[in-house]
N, C-alpha and C. Protein backbone atom coordinates (compact mmCIF):
# COMPACT_ATOMS: atom_id res chain seq x y z
N MET A 1 47.27 -43.78 -30.76
CA MET A 1 46.03 -43.34 -30.16
C MET A 1 46.06 -41.82 -30.00
N LYS A 2 44.94 -41.18 -30.30
CA LYS A 2 44.85 -39.72 -30.24
C LYS A 2 44.66 -39.29 -28.79
N ASN A 3 45.42 -38.28 -28.39
CA ASN A 3 45.33 -37.76 -27.02
C ASN A 3 44.30 -36.63 -27.01
N ASN A 4 43.13 -36.85 -26.38
CA ASN A 4 42.07 -35.85 -26.33
C ASN A 4 42.30 -34.92 -25.15
N ARG A 5 42.75 -33.73 -25.46
CA ARG A 5 42.94 -32.72 -24.43
C ARG A 5 42.13 -31.51 -24.82
N GLY A 6 41.49 -30.88 -23.85
CA GLY A 6 40.68 -29.71 -24.14
C GLY A 6 39.20 -30.04 -24.08
N PHE A 7 38.42 -29.08 -24.52
CA PHE A 7 36.96 -29.21 -24.44
C PHE A 7 36.39 -29.35 -25.84
N SER A 8 35.31 -30.09 -25.93
CA SER A 8 34.63 -30.19 -27.22
C SER A 8 33.71 -28.99 -27.39
N LEU A 9 33.26 -28.78 -28.60
CA LEU A 9 32.36 -27.67 -28.90
C LEU A 9 31.06 -27.80 -28.12
N LEU A 10 30.56 -29.00 -27.99
CA LEU A 10 29.32 -29.23 -27.25
C LEU A 10 29.47 -28.85 -25.78
N GLU A 11 30.59 -29.20 -25.18
CA GLU A 11 30.82 -28.83 -23.77
C GLU A 11 30.88 -27.32 -23.60
N LEU A 12 31.54 -26.64 -24.51
CA LEU A 12 31.62 -25.18 -24.43
C LEU A 12 30.24 -24.54 -24.61
N LEU A 13 29.42 -25.05 -25.52
CA LEU A 13 28.08 -24.52 -25.72
C LEU A 13 27.21 -24.72 -24.48
N ILE A 14 27.35 -25.85 -23.83
CA ILE A 14 26.58 -26.11 -22.60
C ILE A 14 26.98 -25.13 -21.51
N VAL A 15 28.27 -24.88 -21.36
CA VAL A 15 28.74 -23.94 -20.34
C VAL A 15 28.23 -22.53 -20.64
N VAL A 16 28.28 -22.12 -21.90
CA VAL A 16 27.78 -20.79 -22.27
C VAL A 16 26.28 -20.70 -22.00
N ALA A 17 25.53 -21.75 -22.29
CA ALA A 17 24.08 -21.75 -22.04
C ALA A 17 23.80 -21.63 -20.54
N ILE A 18 24.55 -22.33 -19.72
CA ILE A 18 24.36 -22.25 -18.27
C ILE A 18 24.66 -20.84 -17.77
N ILE A 19 25.72 -20.24 -18.27
CA ILE A 19 26.06 -18.87 -17.86
C ILE A 19 24.96 -17.90 -18.26
N LEU A 20 24.40 -18.06 -19.46
CA LEU A 20 23.31 -17.19 -19.91
C LEU A 20 22.07 -17.36 -19.05
N ILE A 21 21.76 -18.57 -18.65
CA ILE A 21 20.59 -18.81 -17.79
C ILE A 21 20.79 -18.14 -16.44
N ILE A 22 21.97 -18.27 -15.87
CA ILE A 22 22.26 -17.64 -14.57
C ILE A 22 22.18 -16.12 -14.70
N ALA A 23 22.71 -15.56 -15.78
CA ALA A 23 22.66 -14.11 -15.99
C ALA A 23 21.23 -13.64 -16.16
N THR A 24 20.41 -14.41 -16.85
CA THR A 24 19.01 -14.04 -17.05
C THR A 24 18.27 -13.98 -15.73
N ILE A 25 18.62 -14.84 -14.81
CA ILE A 25 17.97 -14.84 -13.49
C ILE A 25 18.52 -13.73 -12.61
N ALA A 26 19.81 -13.48 -12.66
CA ALA A 26 20.46 -12.56 -11.72
C ALA A 26 20.32 -11.08 -12.09
N ILE A 27 20.35 -10.74 -13.35
CA ILE A 27 20.38 -9.33 -13.76
C ILE A 27 19.15 -8.55 -13.32
N PRO A 28 17.93 -9.04 -13.51
CA PRO A 28 16.77 -8.26 -13.03
C PRO A 28 16.80 -8.01 -11.53
N SER A 29 17.25 -8.98 -10.77
CA SER A 29 17.34 -8.81 -9.33
C SER A 29 18.35 -7.73 -8.97
N LEU A 30 19.47 -7.72 -9.64
CA LEU A 30 20.49 -6.70 -9.39
C LEU A 30 19.99 -5.31 -9.76
N LEU A 31 19.26 -5.21 -10.86
CA LEU A 31 18.73 -3.91 -11.27
C LEU A 31 17.70 -3.39 -10.28
N ARG A 32 16.85 -4.29 -9.75
CA ARG A 32 15.87 -3.87 -8.74
C ARG A 32 16.58 -3.41 -7.48
N SER A 33 17.62 -4.10 -7.08
CA SER A 33 18.37 -3.71 -5.89
C SER A 33 19.02 -2.35 -6.08
N ARG A 34 19.55 -2.10 -7.25
CA ARG A 34 20.19 -0.81 -7.52
C ARG A 34 19.17 0.32 -7.49
N GLN A 35 18.01 0.10 -8.09
CA GLN A 35 16.97 1.14 -8.09
C GLN A 35 16.47 1.39 -6.67
N SER A 36 16.32 0.35 -5.89
CA SER A 36 15.89 0.51 -4.51
C SER A 36 16.91 1.32 -3.71
N ALA A 37 18.18 1.08 -3.94
CA ALA A 37 19.23 1.84 -3.25
C ALA A 37 19.20 3.31 -3.66
N GLN A 38 18.97 3.58 -4.94
CA GLN A 38 18.89 4.96 -5.40
C GLN A 38 17.68 5.68 -4.80
N GLU A 39 16.56 4.97 -4.69
CA GLU A 39 15.36 5.57 -4.09
C GLU A 39 15.59 5.86 -2.61
N SER A 40 16.25 4.95 -1.92
CA SER A 40 16.56 5.17 -0.50
C SER A 40 17.47 6.38 -0.32
N SER A 41 18.44 6.53 -1.21
CA SER A 41 19.34 7.67 -1.15
C SER A 41 18.58 8.97 -1.39
N ALA A 42 17.66 8.98 -2.34
CA ALA A 42 16.88 10.18 -2.61
C ALA A 42 16.01 10.56 -1.42
N VAL A 43 15.40 9.58 -0.78
CA VAL A 43 14.57 9.84 0.40
C VAL A 43 15.43 10.41 1.53
N ALA A 44 16.63 9.87 1.71
CA ALA A 44 17.53 10.38 2.75
C ALA A 44 17.93 11.82 2.47
N GLN A 45 18.17 12.16 1.22
CA GLN A 45 18.54 13.53 0.87
C GLN A 45 17.38 14.50 1.12
N VAL A 46 16.16 14.08 0.80
CA VAL A 46 15.00 14.93 1.06
C VAL A 46 14.83 15.15 2.56
N ARG A 47 15.04 14.11 3.34
CA ARG A 47 14.94 14.25 4.80
C ARG A 47 16.01 15.20 5.33
N THR A 48 17.21 15.14 4.76
CA THR A 48 18.28 16.04 5.18
C THR A 48 17.92 17.50 4.89
N VAL A 49 17.37 17.75 3.71
CA VAL A 49 16.95 19.11 3.37
C VAL A 49 15.84 19.56 4.31
N ASN A 50 14.89 18.68 4.60
CA ASN A 50 13.80 19.02 5.51
C ASN A 50 14.33 19.35 6.90
N THR A 51 15.27 18.58 7.39
CA THR A 51 15.86 18.84 8.70
C THR A 51 16.58 20.19 8.71
N ALA A 52 17.29 20.50 7.63
CA ALA A 52 17.98 21.80 7.53
C ALA A 52 16.97 22.94 7.53
N GLN A 53 15.86 22.77 6.85
CA GLN A 53 14.82 23.81 6.84
C GLN A 53 14.23 24.02 8.24
N ILE A 54 13.96 22.94 8.93
CA ILE A 54 13.39 23.04 10.28
C ILE A 54 14.38 23.71 11.22
N THR A 55 15.66 23.35 11.10
CA THR A 55 16.68 23.96 11.94
C THR A 55 16.79 25.46 11.66
N TYR A 56 16.79 25.83 10.39
CA TYR A 56 16.86 27.25 10.03
C TYR A 56 15.63 27.99 10.54
N LEU A 57 14.47 27.38 10.41
CA LEU A 57 13.23 28.00 10.85
C LEU A 57 13.25 28.26 12.36
N SER A 58 13.72 27.29 13.11
CA SER A 58 13.74 27.46 14.57
C SER A 58 14.82 28.45 15.01
N SER A 59 15.85 28.64 14.21
CA SER A 59 16.92 29.57 14.56
C SER A 59 16.61 31.00 14.15
N ASN A 60 15.60 31.23 13.34
CA ASN A 60 15.33 32.56 12.79
C ASN A 60 13.90 33.02 13.08
N GLN A 61 13.51 32.94 14.30
CA GLN A 61 12.22 33.44 14.79
C GLN A 61 11.03 32.97 13.95
N GLY A 62 11.05 31.75 13.51
CA GLY A 62 9.90 31.18 12.83
C GLY A 62 9.67 31.66 11.42
N SER A 63 10.70 32.18 10.74
CA SER A 63 10.51 32.60 9.35
C SER A 63 11.58 31.94 8.47
N TYR A 64 11.13 31.56 7.30
CA TYR A 64 12.07 30.98 6.35
C TYR A 64 12.91 32.08 5.72
N GLY A 65 14.09 31.74 5.31
CA GLY A 65 14.96 32.71 4.68
C GLY A 65 14.62 32.92 3.22
N THR A 66 15.23 33.93 2.65
CA THR A 66 15.08 34.19 1.22
C THR A 66 16.33 33.69 0.51
N ILE A 67 16.34 33.79 -0.78
CA ILE A 67 17.50 33.34 -1.54
C ILE A 67 18.72 34.18 -1.19
N ALA A 68 18.53 35.46 -0.90
CA ALA A 68 19.64 36.35 -0.56
C ALA A 68 20.29 35.94 0.76
N GLU A 69 19.55 35.31 1.63
CA GLU A 69 20.12 34.92 2.91
C GLU A 69 20.86 33.62 2.74
């Protein structure tokens, strides 16, 4: 009697198909999350620059500095 050990080609194809379906569902969600995180980081950086400008303005008699300063 033949000892069947291992996976058949059909079983491997089914597993690959399931993995592809899961990847098709998950990848767009991950990309949206990454873009949202990058946008949040950009907004935080703009707020930091704005806060630095306001601080400089209040420390220098209400005038913005020049590039030389």
